[in-house]
Amino acid sequence: MGGVMCRNIKTLFNFEPPVTDDEVQAAALQFVRKISGFNKPSKANEARFFAAVEAIAAASRELLGALETNAPPRDRLVEANKARERSTRRFPR
C-alpha cells in the first residue's frame, strides 16, 4: 500500500506503559476525520461518523490485544523525544 500516512495518528503498539483507551479513541477519531474529510460532521452525518469512530476504535483495540512481538516495549518519553527531533529537522525555526 502506498500513500502518505496520516501524521496525527501515532503508533500505539508495544509501549510501556501500555496505550490507553483514550489514545485508541483519539486515533480512531483522527482516522475517520481524515478519510471523511470532516473535522466535525454535519447533523445529518453525525451518527454515522461517530459509529465509524467506535467501530474503528473497537477493531484497533482487538488488533492491539492480538499482536505479538519479541521486541522490548518502546518508552513513551524516548519516542516523544525522537518525534520532536524529527519535527525540528523537518521544520527548522
PDB file of N, CA and C in Angstrom:
ATOM      1  N   MET A   1       0.834  -1.185   0.000  1.00  0.00           N
ATOM      2  CA  MET A   1       0.000   0.000   0.000  1.00  0.00           C
ATOM      3  C   MET A   1       0.873   1.240   0.000  1.00  0.00           C
ATOM      4  N   GLY A   2       0.610   2.136  -0.897  1.00  0.00           N
ATOM      5  CA  GLY A   2       1.379   3.361  -0.945  1.00  0.00           C
ATOM      6  C   GLY A   2       0.621   4.496  -0.287  1.00  0.00           C
ATOM      7  N   GLY A   3       1.162   5.679  -0.412  1.00  0.00           N
ATOM      8  CA  GLY A   3       0.478   6.844   0.097  1.00  0.00           C
ATOM      9  C   GLY A   3       1.114   7.379   1.360  1.00  0.00           C
ATOM     10  N   VAL A   4       0.592   8.487   1.804  1.00  0.00           N
ATOM     11  CA  VAL A   4       1.123   9.167   2.977  1.00  0.00           C
ATOM     12  C   VAL A   4       0.289   8.784   4.192  1.00  0.00           C
ATOM     13  N   MET A   5       0.955   8.415   5.251  1.00  0.00           N
ATOM     14  CA  MET A   5       0.251   8.076   6.491  1.00  0.00           C
ATOM     15  C   MET A   5      -0.202   9.366   7.168  1.00  0.00           C
ATOM     16  N   CYS A   6      -1.339   9.327   7.781  1.00  0.00           N
ATOM     17  CA  CYS A   6      -1.829  10.494   8.498  1.00  0.00           C
ATOM     18  C   CYS A   6      -0.866  10.813   9.635  1.00  0.00           C
ATOM     19  N   ARG A   7      -0.303  11.984   9.626  1.00  0.00           N
ATOM     20  CA  ARG A   7       0.735  12.338  10.605  1.00  0.00           C
ATOM     21  C   ARG A   7       0.207  12.440  12.016  1.00  0.00           C
ATOM     22  N   ASN A   8      -1.094  12.638  12.189  1.00  0.00           N
ATOM     23  CA  ASN A   8      -1.650  12.773  13.542  1.00  0.00           C
ATOM     24  C   ASN A   8      -1.917  11.433  14.202  1.00  0.00           C
ATOM     25  N   ILE A   9      -1.873  10.357  13.444  1.00  0.00           N
ATOM     26  CA  ILE A   9      -2.119   9.030  14.011  1.00  0.00           C
ATOM     27  C   ILE A   9      -0.769   8.417  14.336  1.00  0.00           C
ATOM     28  N   LYS A  10      -0.582   8.108  15.604  1.00  0.00           N
ATOM     29  CA  LYS A  10       0.698   7.583  16.076  1.00  0.00           C
ATOM     30  C   LYS A  10       0.619   6.077  16.280  1.00  0.00           C
ATOM     31  N   THR A  11       1.782   5.436  16.248  1.00  0.00           N
ATOM     32  CA  THR A  11       1.865   4.014  16.557  1.00  0.00           C
ATOM     33  C   THR A  11       1.407   3.806  18.000  1.00  0.00           C
ATOM     34  N   LEU A  12       0.576   2.798  18.222  1.00  0.00           N
ATOM     35  CA  LEU A  12       0.040   2.539  19.557  1.00  0.00           C
ATOM     36  C   LEU A  12       0.485   1.197  20.130  1.00  0.00           C
ATOM     37  N   PHE A  13       1.153   0.391  19.329  1.00  0.00           N
ATOM     38  CA  PHE A  13       1.517  -0.952  19.763  1.00  0.00           C
ATOM     39  C   PHE A  13       2.872  -0.982  20.462  1.00  0.00           C
ATOM     40  N   ASN A  14       2.948  -1.794  21.495  1.00  0.00           N
ATOM     41  CA  ASN A  14       4.194  -2.135  22.180  1.00  0.00           C
ATOM     42  C   ASN A  14       4.835  -0.956  22.899  1.00  0.00           C
ATOM     43  N   PHE A  15       4.051  -0.286  23.741  1.00  0.00           N
ATOM     44  CA  PHE A  15       4.563   0.800  24.563  1.00  0.00           C
ATOM     45  C   PHE A  15       4.478   0.444  26.033  1.00  0.00           C
ATOM     46  N   GLU A  16       5.360   1.032  26.787  1.00  0.00           N
ATOM     47  CA  GLU A  16       5.323   0.920  28.243  1.00  0.00           C
ATOM     48  C   GLU A  16       5.310   2.324  28.799  1.00  0.00           C
ATOM     49  N   PRO A  17       4.296   2.736  29.541  1.00  0.00           N
ATOM     50  CA  PRO A  17       3.098   1.963  29.869  1.00  0.00           C
ATOM     51  C   PRO A  17       2.230   1.759  28.628  1.00  0.00           C
ATOM     52  N   PRO A  18       1.361   0.745  28.668  1.00  0.00           N
ATOM     53  CA  PRO A  18       0.527   0.425  27.503  1.00  0.00           C
ATOM     54  C   PRO A  18      -0.377   1.586  27.090  1.00  0.00           C
ATOM     55  N   VAL A  19      -0.789   1.539  25.851  1.00  0.00           N
ATOM     56  CA  VAL A  19      -1.689   2.539  25.299  1.00  0.00           C
ATOM     57  C   VAL A  19      -2.981   2.589  26.121  1.00  0.00           C
ATOM     58  N   THR A  20      -3.559   3.779  26.213  1.00  0.00           N
ATOM     59  CA  THR A  20      -4.821   3.942  26.941  1.00  0.00           C
ATOM     60  C   THR A  20      -5.995   3.886  25.968  1.00  0.00           C
ATOM     61  N   ASP A  21      -7.168   3.661  26.503  1.00  0.00           N
ATOM     62  CA  ASP A  21      -8.373   3.651  25.682  1.00  0.00           C
ATOM     63  C   ASP A  21      -8.584   5.020  25.032  1.00  0.00           C
ATOM     64  N   ASP A  22      -8.256   6.089  25.759  1.00  0.00           N
ATOM     65  CA  ASP A  22      -8.394   7.436  25.193  1.00  0.00           C
ATOM     66  C   ASP A  22      -7.501   7.624  23.970  1.00  0.00           C
ATOM     67  N   GLU A  23      -6.289   7.050  24.008  1.00  0.00           N
ATOM     68  CA  GLU A  23      -5.390   7.159  22.862  1.00  0.00           C
ATOM     69  C   GLU A  23      -5.918   6.385  21.658  1.00  0.00           C
ATOM     70  N   VAL A  24      -6.487   5.226  21.896  1.00  0.00           N
ATOM     71  CA  VAL A  24      -7.085   4.444  20.805  1.00  0.00           C
ATOM     72  C   VAL A  24      -8.265   5.218  20.216  1.00  0.00           C
ATOM     73  N   GLN A  25      -9.093   5.782  21.086  1.00  0.00           N
ATOM     74  CA  GLN A  25     -10.263   6.554  20.638  1.00  0.00           C
ATOM     75  C   GLN A  25      -9.823   7.773  19.821  1.00  0.00           C
ATOM     76  N   ALA A  26      -8.784   8.469  20.278  1.00  0.00           N
ATOM     77  CA  ALA A  26      -8.293   9.657  19.563  1.00  0.00           C
ATOM     78  C   ALA A  26      -7.752   9.278  18.185  1.00  0.00           C
ATOM     79  N   ALA A  27      -7.043   8.157  18.089  1.00  0.00           N
ATOM     80  CA  ALA A  27      -6.522   7.710  16.796  1.00  0.00           C
ATOM     81  C   ALA A  27      -7.666   7.354  15.855  1.00  0.00           C
ATOM     82  N   ALA A  28      -8.692   6.702  16.382  1.00  0.00           N
ATOM     83  CA  ALA A  28      -9.853   6.339  15.559  1.00  0.00           C
ATOM     84  C   ALA A  28     -10.553   7.602  15.053  1.00  0.00           C
ATOM     85  N   LEU A  29     -10.697   8.592  15.908  1.00  0.00           N
ATOM     86  CA  LEU A  29     -11.319   9.853  15.514  1.00  0.00           C
ATOM     87  C   LEU A  29     -10.499  10.531  14.418  1.00  0.00           C
ATOM     88  N   GLN A  30      -9.173  10.573  14.566  1.00  0.00           N
ATOM     89  CA  GLN A  30      -8.321  11.182  13.548  1.00  0.00           C
ATOM     90  C   GLN A  30      -8.444  10.452  12.215  1.00  0.00           C
ATOM     91  N   PHE A  31      -8.508   9.119  12.279  1.00  0.00           N
ATOM     92  CA  PHE A  31      -8.641   8.322  11.060  1.00  0.00           C
ATOM     93  C   PHE A  31      -9.953   8.648  10.341  1.00  0.00           C
ATOM     94  N   VAL A  32     -11.060   8.669  11.079  1.00  0.00           N
ATOM     95  CA  VAL A  32     -12.366   8.961  10.465  1.00  0.00           C
ATOM     96  C   VAL A  32     -12.391  10.391   9.926  1.00  0.00           C
ATOM     97  N   ARG A  33     -11.807  11.322  10.652  1.00  0.00           N
ATOM     98  CA  ARG A  33     -11.728  12.703  10.148  1.00  0.00           C
ATOM     99  C   ARG A  33     -10.968  12.746   8.828  1.00  0.00           C
ATOM    100  N   LYS A  34      -9.858  12.032   8.780  1.00  0.00           N
ATOM    101  CA  LYS A  34      -9.014  12.044   7.584  1.00  0.00           C
ATOM    102  C   LYS A  34      -9.740  11.444   6.384  1.00  0.00           C
ATOM    103  N   ILE A  35     -10.331  10.265   6.557  1.00  0.00           N
ATOM    104  CA  ILE A  35     -10.938   9.617   5.394  1.00  0.00           C
ATOM    105  C   ILE A  35     -12.264  10.251   4.989  1.00  0.00           C
ATOM    106  N   SER A  36     -12.972  10.881   5.942  1.00  0.00           N
ATOM    107  CA  SER A  36     -14.254  11.505   5.601  1.00  0.00           C
ATOM    108  C   SER A  36     -14.080  12.928   5.087  1.00  0.00           C
ATOM    109  N   GLY A  37     -12.990  13.566   5.501  1.00  0.00           N
ATOM    110  CA  GLY A  37     -12.804  14.963   5.133  1.00  0.00           C
ATOM    111  C   GLY A  37     -13.543  15.915   6.052  1.00  0.00           C
ATOM    112  N   PHE A  38     -14.172  15.381   7.090  1.00  0.00           N
ATOM    113  CA  PHE A  38     -14.906  16.213   8.047  1.00  0.00           C
ATOM    114  C   PHE A  38     -14.126  16.325   9.346  1.00  0.00           C
ATOM    115  N   ASN A  39     -13.873  17.545   9.786  1.00  0.00           N
ATOM    116  CA  ASN A  39     -13.312  17.723  11.120  1.00  0.00           C
ATOM    117  C   ASN A  39     -14.424  17.529  12.143  1.00  0.00           C
ATOM    118  N   LYS A  40     -15.605  18.085  11.800  1.00  0.00           N
ATOM    119  CA  LYS A  40     -16.807  17.903  12.612  1.00  0.00           C
ATOM    120  C   LYS A  40     -17.940  17.624  11.627  1.00  0.00           C
ATOM    121  N   PRO A  41     -18.609  16.482  11.763  1.00  0.00           N
ATOM    122  CA  PRO A  41     -19.656  16.151  10.793  1.00  0.00           C
ATOM    123  C   PRO A  41     -20.908  17.011  10.962  1.00  0.00           C
ATOM    124  N   SER A  42     -21.668  17.112   9.887  1.00  0.00           N
ATOM    125  CA  SER A  42     -22.962  17.792   9.958  1.00  0.00           C
ATOM    126  C   SER A  42     -23.913  16.935  10.788  1.00  0.00           C
ATOM    127  N   LYS A  43     -25.013  17.509  11.200  1.00  0.00           N
ATOM    128  CA  LYS A  43     -26.026  16.757  11.961  1.00  0.00           C
ATOM    129  C   LYS A  43     -26.496  15.535  11.177  1.00  0.00           C
ATOM    130  N   ALA A  44     -26.598  15.672   9.856  1.00  0.00           N
ATOM    131  CA  ALA A  44     -27.059  14.562   9.006  1.00  0.00           C
ATOM    132  C   ALA A  44     -26.079  13.391   9.029  1.00  0.00           C
ATOM    133  N   ASN A  45     -24.794  13.676   9.210  1.00  0.00           N
ATOM    134  CA  ASN A  45     -23.767  12.629   9.176  1.00  0.00           C
ATOM    135  C   ASN A  45     -23.219  12.250  10.546  1.00  0.00           C
ATOM    136  N   GLU A  46     -23.641  12.951  11.570  1.00  0.00           N
ATOM    137  CA  GLU A  46     -23.061  12.777  12.901  1.00  0.00           C
ATOM    138  C   GLU A  46     -23.154  11.343  13.429  1.00  0.00           C
ATOM    139  N   ALA A  47     -24.306  10.718  13.330  1.00  0.00           N
ATOM    140  CA  ALA A  47     -24.475   9.354  13.863  1.00  0.00           C
ATOM    141  C   ALA A  47     -23.567   8.365  13.134  1.00  0.00           C
ATOM    142  N   ARG A  48     -23.512   8.454  11.806  1.00  0.00           N
ATOM    143  CA  ARG A  48     -22.654   7.552  11.033  1.00  0.00           C
ATOM    144  C   ARG A  48     -21.176   7.799  11.321  1.00  0.00           C
ATOM    145  N   PHE A  49     -20.814   9.064  11.446  1.00  0.00           N
ATOM    146  CA  PHE A  49     -19.438   9.450  11.719  1.00  0.00           C
ATOM    147  C   PHE A  49     -18.971   8.838  13.043  1.00  0.00           C
ATOM    148  N   PHE A  50     -19.744   9.044  14.104  1.00  0.00           N
ATOM    149  CA  PHE A  50     -19.332   8.538  15.413  1.00  0.00           C
ATOM    150  C   PHE A  50     -19.475   7.019  15.529  1.00  0.00           C
ATOM    151  N   ALA A  51     -20.380   6.432  14.768  1.00  0.00           N
ATOM    152  CA  ALA A  51     -20.456   4.963  14.729  1.00  0.00           C
ATOM    153  C   ALA A  51     -19.182   4.406  14.090  1.00  0.00           C
ATOM    154  N   ALA A  52     -18.686   5.077  13.062  1.00  0.00           N
ATOM    155  CA  ALA A  52     -17.434   4.648  12.426  1.00  0.00           C
ATOM    156  C   ALA A  52     -16.259   4.791  13.392  1.00  0.00           C
ATOM    157  N   VAL A  53     -16.224   5.877  14.152  1.00  0.00           N
ATOM    158  CA  VAL A  53     -15.161   6.064  15.146  1.00  0.00           C
ATOM    159  C   VAL A  53     -15.184   4.902  16.139  1.00  0.00           C
ATOM    160  N   GLU A  54     -16.364   4.555  16.631  1.00  0.00           N
ATOM    161  CA  GLU A  54     -16.471   3.458  17.606  1.00  0.00           C
ATOM    162  C   GLU A  54     -16.050   2.125  16.995  1.00  0.00           C
ATOM    163  N   ALA A  55     -16.459   1.866  15.757  1.00  0.00           N
ATOM    164  CA  ALA A  55     -16.104   0.603  15.095  1.00  0.00           C
ATOM    165  C   ALA A  55     -14.593   0.503  14.889  1.00  0.00           C
ATOM    166  N   ILE A  56     -13.975   1.600  14.484  1.00  0.00           N
ATOM    167  CA  ILE A  56     -12.527   1.595  14.261  1.00  0.00           C
ATOM    168  C   ILE A  56     -11.782   1.476  15.583  1.00  0.00           C
ATOM    169  N   ALA A  57     -12.264   2.132  16.616  1.00  0.00           N
ATOM    170  CA  ALA A  57     -11.628   2.009  17.940  1.00  0.00           C
ATOM    171  C   ALA A  57     -11.722   0.569  18.434  1.00  0.00           C
ATOM    172  N   ALA A  58     -12.874  -0.065  18.258  1.00  0.00           N
ATOM    173  CA  ALA A  58     -13.040  -1.460  18.692  1.00  0.00           C
ATOM    174  C   ALA A  58     -12.111  -2.384  17.911  1.00  0.00           C
ATOM    175  N   ALA A  59     -12.046  -2.202  16.596  1.00  0.00           N
ATOM    176  CA  ALA A  59     -11.156  -3.027  15.774  1.00  0.00           C
ATOM    177  C   ALA A  59      -9.694  -2.788  16.159  1.00  0.00           C
ATOM    178  N   SER A  60      -9.351  -1.559  16.477  1.00  0.00           N
ATOM    179  CA  SER A  60      -7.981  -1.228  16.881  1.00  0.00           C
ATOM    180  C   SER A  60      -7.629  -1.883  18.206  1.00  0.00           C
ATOM    181  N   ARG A  61      -8.547  -1.827  19.171  1.00  0.00           N
ATOM    182  CA  ARG A  61      -8.305  -2.486  20.465  1.00  0.00           C
ATOM    183  C   ARG A  61      -8.108  -3.982  20.281  1.00  0.00           C
ATOM    184  N   GLU A  62      -8.945  -4.583  19.439  1.00  0.00           N
ATOM    185  CA  GLU A  62      -8.839  -6.019  19.163  1.00  0.00           C
ATOM    186  C   GLU A  62      -7.487  -6.347  18.533  1.00  0.00           C
ATOM    187  N   LEU A  63      -7.088  -5.555  17.559  1.00  0.00           N
ATOM    188  CA  LEU A  63      -5.804  -5.766  16.902  1.00  0.00           C
ATOM    189  C   LEU A  63      -4.649  -5.615  17.890  1.00  0.00           C
ATOM    190  N   LEU A  64      -4.639  -4.534  18.654  1.00  0.00           N
ATOM    191  CA  LEU A  64      -3.551  -4.294  19.603  1.00  0.00           C
ATOM    192  C   LEU A  64      -3.457  -5.403  20.646  1.00  0.00           C
ATOM    193  N   GLY A  65      -4.604  -5.956  21.039  1.00  0.00           N
ATOM    194  CA  GLY A  65      -4.614  -7.049  22.006  1.00  0.00           C
ATOM    195  C   GLY A  65      -4.137  -8.366  21.432  1.00  0.00           C
ATOM    196  N   ALA A  66      -4.213  -8.514  20.115  1.00  0.00           N
ATOM    197  CA  ALA A  66      -3.856  -9.778  19.476  1.00  0.00           C
ATOM    198  C   ALA A  66      -2.420  -9.809  18.954  1.00  0.00           C
ATOM    199  N   LEU A  67      -1.830  -8.651  18.733  1.00  0.00           N
ATOM    200  CA  LEU A  67      -0.478  -8.602  18.172  1.00  0.00           C
ATOM    201  C   LEU A  67       0.550  -9.156  19.149  1.00  0.00           C
ATOM    202  N   GLU A  68       1.584  -9.755  18.597  1.00  0.00           N
ATOM    203  CA  GLU A  68       2.682 -10.295  19.396  1.00  0.00           C
ATOM    204  C   GLU A  68       3.995  -9.753  18.872  1.00  0.00           C
ATOM    205  N   THR A  69       4.968  -9.613  19.756  1.00  0.00           N
ATOM    206  CA  THR A  69       6.297  -9.181  19.354  1.00  0.00           C
ATOM    207  C   THR A  69       7.328  -9.684  20.350  1.00  0.00           C
ATOM    208  N   ASN A  70       8.547  -9.867  19.872  1.00  0.00           N
ATOM    209  CA  ASN A  70       9.663 -10.188  20.754  1.00  0.00           C
ATOM    210  C   ASN A  70      10.462  -8.937  21.094  1.00  0.00           C
ATOM    211  N   ALA A  71      10.119  -7.831  20.460  1.00  0.00           N
ATOM    212  CA  ALA A  71      10.832  -6.574  20.692  1.00  0.00           C
ATOM    213  C   ALA A  71      10.492  -6.036  22.077  1.00  0.00           C
ATOM    214  N   PRO A  72      11.444  -5.399  22.715  1.00  0.00           N
ATOM    215  CA  PRO A  72      11.139  -4.792  24.020  1.00  0.00           C
ATOM    216  C   PRO A  72      10.166  -3.634  23.829  1.00  0.00           C
ATOM    217  N   PRO A  73       9.336  -3.361  24.833  1.00  0.00           N
ATOM    218  CA  PRO A  73       8.401  -2.238  24.717  1.00  0.00           C
ATOM    219  C   PRO A  73       9.133  -0.915  24.500  1.00  0.00           C
ATOM    220  N   ARG A  74       8.511  -0.056  23.729  1.00  0.00           N
ATOM    221  CA  ARG A  74       9.067   1.274  23.491  1.00  0.00           C
ATOM    222  C   ARG A  74       8.738   2.176  24.669  1.00  0.00           C
ATOM    223  N   ASP A  75       9.655   3.044  24.981  1.00  0.00           N
ATOM    224  CA  ASP A  75       9.474   4.016  26.059  1.00  0.00           C
ATOM    225  C   ASP A  75       8.820   5.268  25.476  1.00  0.00           C
ATOM    226  N   ARG A  76       7.731   5.700  26.073  1.00  0.00           N
ATOM    227  CA  ARG A  76       6.986   6.845  25.541  1.00  0.00           C
ATOM    228  C   ARG A  76       7.832   8.119  25.490  1.00  0.00           C
ATOM    229  N   LEU A  77       8.618   8.370  26.524  1.00  0.00           N
ATOM    230  CA  LEU A  77       9.423   9.586  26.574  1.00  0.00           C
ATOM    231  C   LEU A  77      10.486   9.581  25.477  1.00  0.00           C
ATOM    232  N   VAL A  78      11.144   8.456  25.289  1.00  0.00           N
ATOM    233  CA  VAL A  78      12.160   8.333  24.243  1.00  0.00           C
ATOM    234  C   VAL A  78      11.522   8.558  22.871  1.00  0.00           C
ATOM    235  N   GLU A  79      10.377   7.941  22.623  1.00  0.00           N
ATOM    236  CA  GLU A  79       9.700   8.097  21.326  1.00  0.00           C
ATOM    237  C   GLU A  79       9.234   9.532  21.109  1.00  0.00           C
ATOM    238  N   ALA A  80       8.754  10.194  22.152  1.00  0.00           N
ATOM    239  CA  ALA A  80       8.322  11.593  22.043  1.00  0.00           C
ATOM    240  C   ALA A  80       9.514  12.482  21.706  1.00  0.00           C
ATOM    241  N   ASN A  81      10.666  12.219  22.318  1.00  0.00           N
ATOM    242  CA  ASN A  81      11.868  12.995  22.012  1.00  0.00           C
ATOM    243  C   ASN A  81      12.313  12.784  20.570  1.00  0.00           C
ATOM    244  N   LYS A  82      12.241  11.547  20.088  1.00  0.00           N
ATOM    245  CA  LYS A  82      12.588  11.258  18.692  1.00  0.00           C
ATOM    246  C   LYS A  82      11.665  12.029  17.740  1.00  0.00           C
ATOM    247  N   ALA A  83      10.373  12.045  18.064  1.00  0.00           N
ATOM    248  CA  ALA A  83       9.396  12.755  17.222  1.00  0.00           C
ATOM    249  C   ALA A  83       9.694  14.251  17.196  1.00  0.00           C
ATOM    250  N   ARG A  84      10.054  14.824  18.356  1.00  0.00           N
ATOM    251  CA  ARG A  84      10.405  16.242  18.401  1.00  0.00           C
ATOM    252  C   ARG A  84      11.646  16.529  17.557  1.00  0.00           C
ATOM    253  N   GLU A  85      12.631  15.640  17.639  1.00  0.00           N
ATOM    254  CA  GLU A  85      13.844  15.819  16.833  1.00  0.00           C
ATOM    255  C   GLU A  85      13.525  15.767  15.335  1.00  0.00           C
ATOM    256  N   ARG A  86      12.682  14.816  14.928  1.00  0.00           N
ATOM    257  CA  ARG A  86      12.292  14.727  13.511  1.00  0.00           C
ATOM    258  C   ARG A  86      11.568  15.996  13.077  1.00  0.00           C
ATOM    259  N   SER A  87      10.691  16.487  13.934  1.00  0.00           N
ATOM    260  CA  SER A  87       9.932  17.690  13.623  1.00  0.00           C
ATOM    261  C   SER A  87      10.858  18.898  13.484  1.00  0.00           C
ATOM    262  N   THR A  88      11.839  18.986  14.371  1.00  0.00           N
ATOM    263  CA  THR A  88      12.794  20.095  14.316  1.00  0.00           C
ATOM    264  C   THR A  88      13.608  20.055  13.028  1.00  0.00           C
ATOM    265  N   ARG A  89      14.005  18.856  12.613  1.00  0.00           N
ATOM    266  CA  ARG A  89      14.752  18.729  11.358  1.00  0.00           C
ATOM    267  C   ARG A  89      13.859  19.071  10.156  1.00  0.00           C
ATOM    268  N   ARG A  90      12.610  18.652  10.225  1.00  0.00           N
ATOM    269  CA  ARG A  90      11.683  18.852   9.111  1.00  0.00           C
ATOM    270  C   ARG A  90      11.237  20.307   9.004  1.00  0.00           C
ATOM    271  N   PHE A  91      11.032  20.949  10.160  1.00  0.00           N
ATOM    272  CA  PHE A  91      10.530  22.323  10.205  1.00  0.00           C
ATOM    273  C   PHE A  91      11.426  23.179  11.085  1.00  0.00           C
ATOM    274  N   PRO A  92      12.633  23.533  10.597  1.00  0.00           N
ATOM    275  CA  PRO A  92      13.532  24.351  11.425  1.00  0.00           C
ATOM    276  C   PRO A  92      12.905  25.709  11.725  1.00  0.00           C
ATOM    277  N   ARG A  93      13.247  26.238  12.876  1.00  0.00           N
ATOM    278  CA  ARG A  93      12.652  27.532  13.280  1.00  0.00           C
ATOM    279  C   ARG A  93      13.433  28.684  12.773  1.00  0.00           C
TER     280      ARG A  93
END
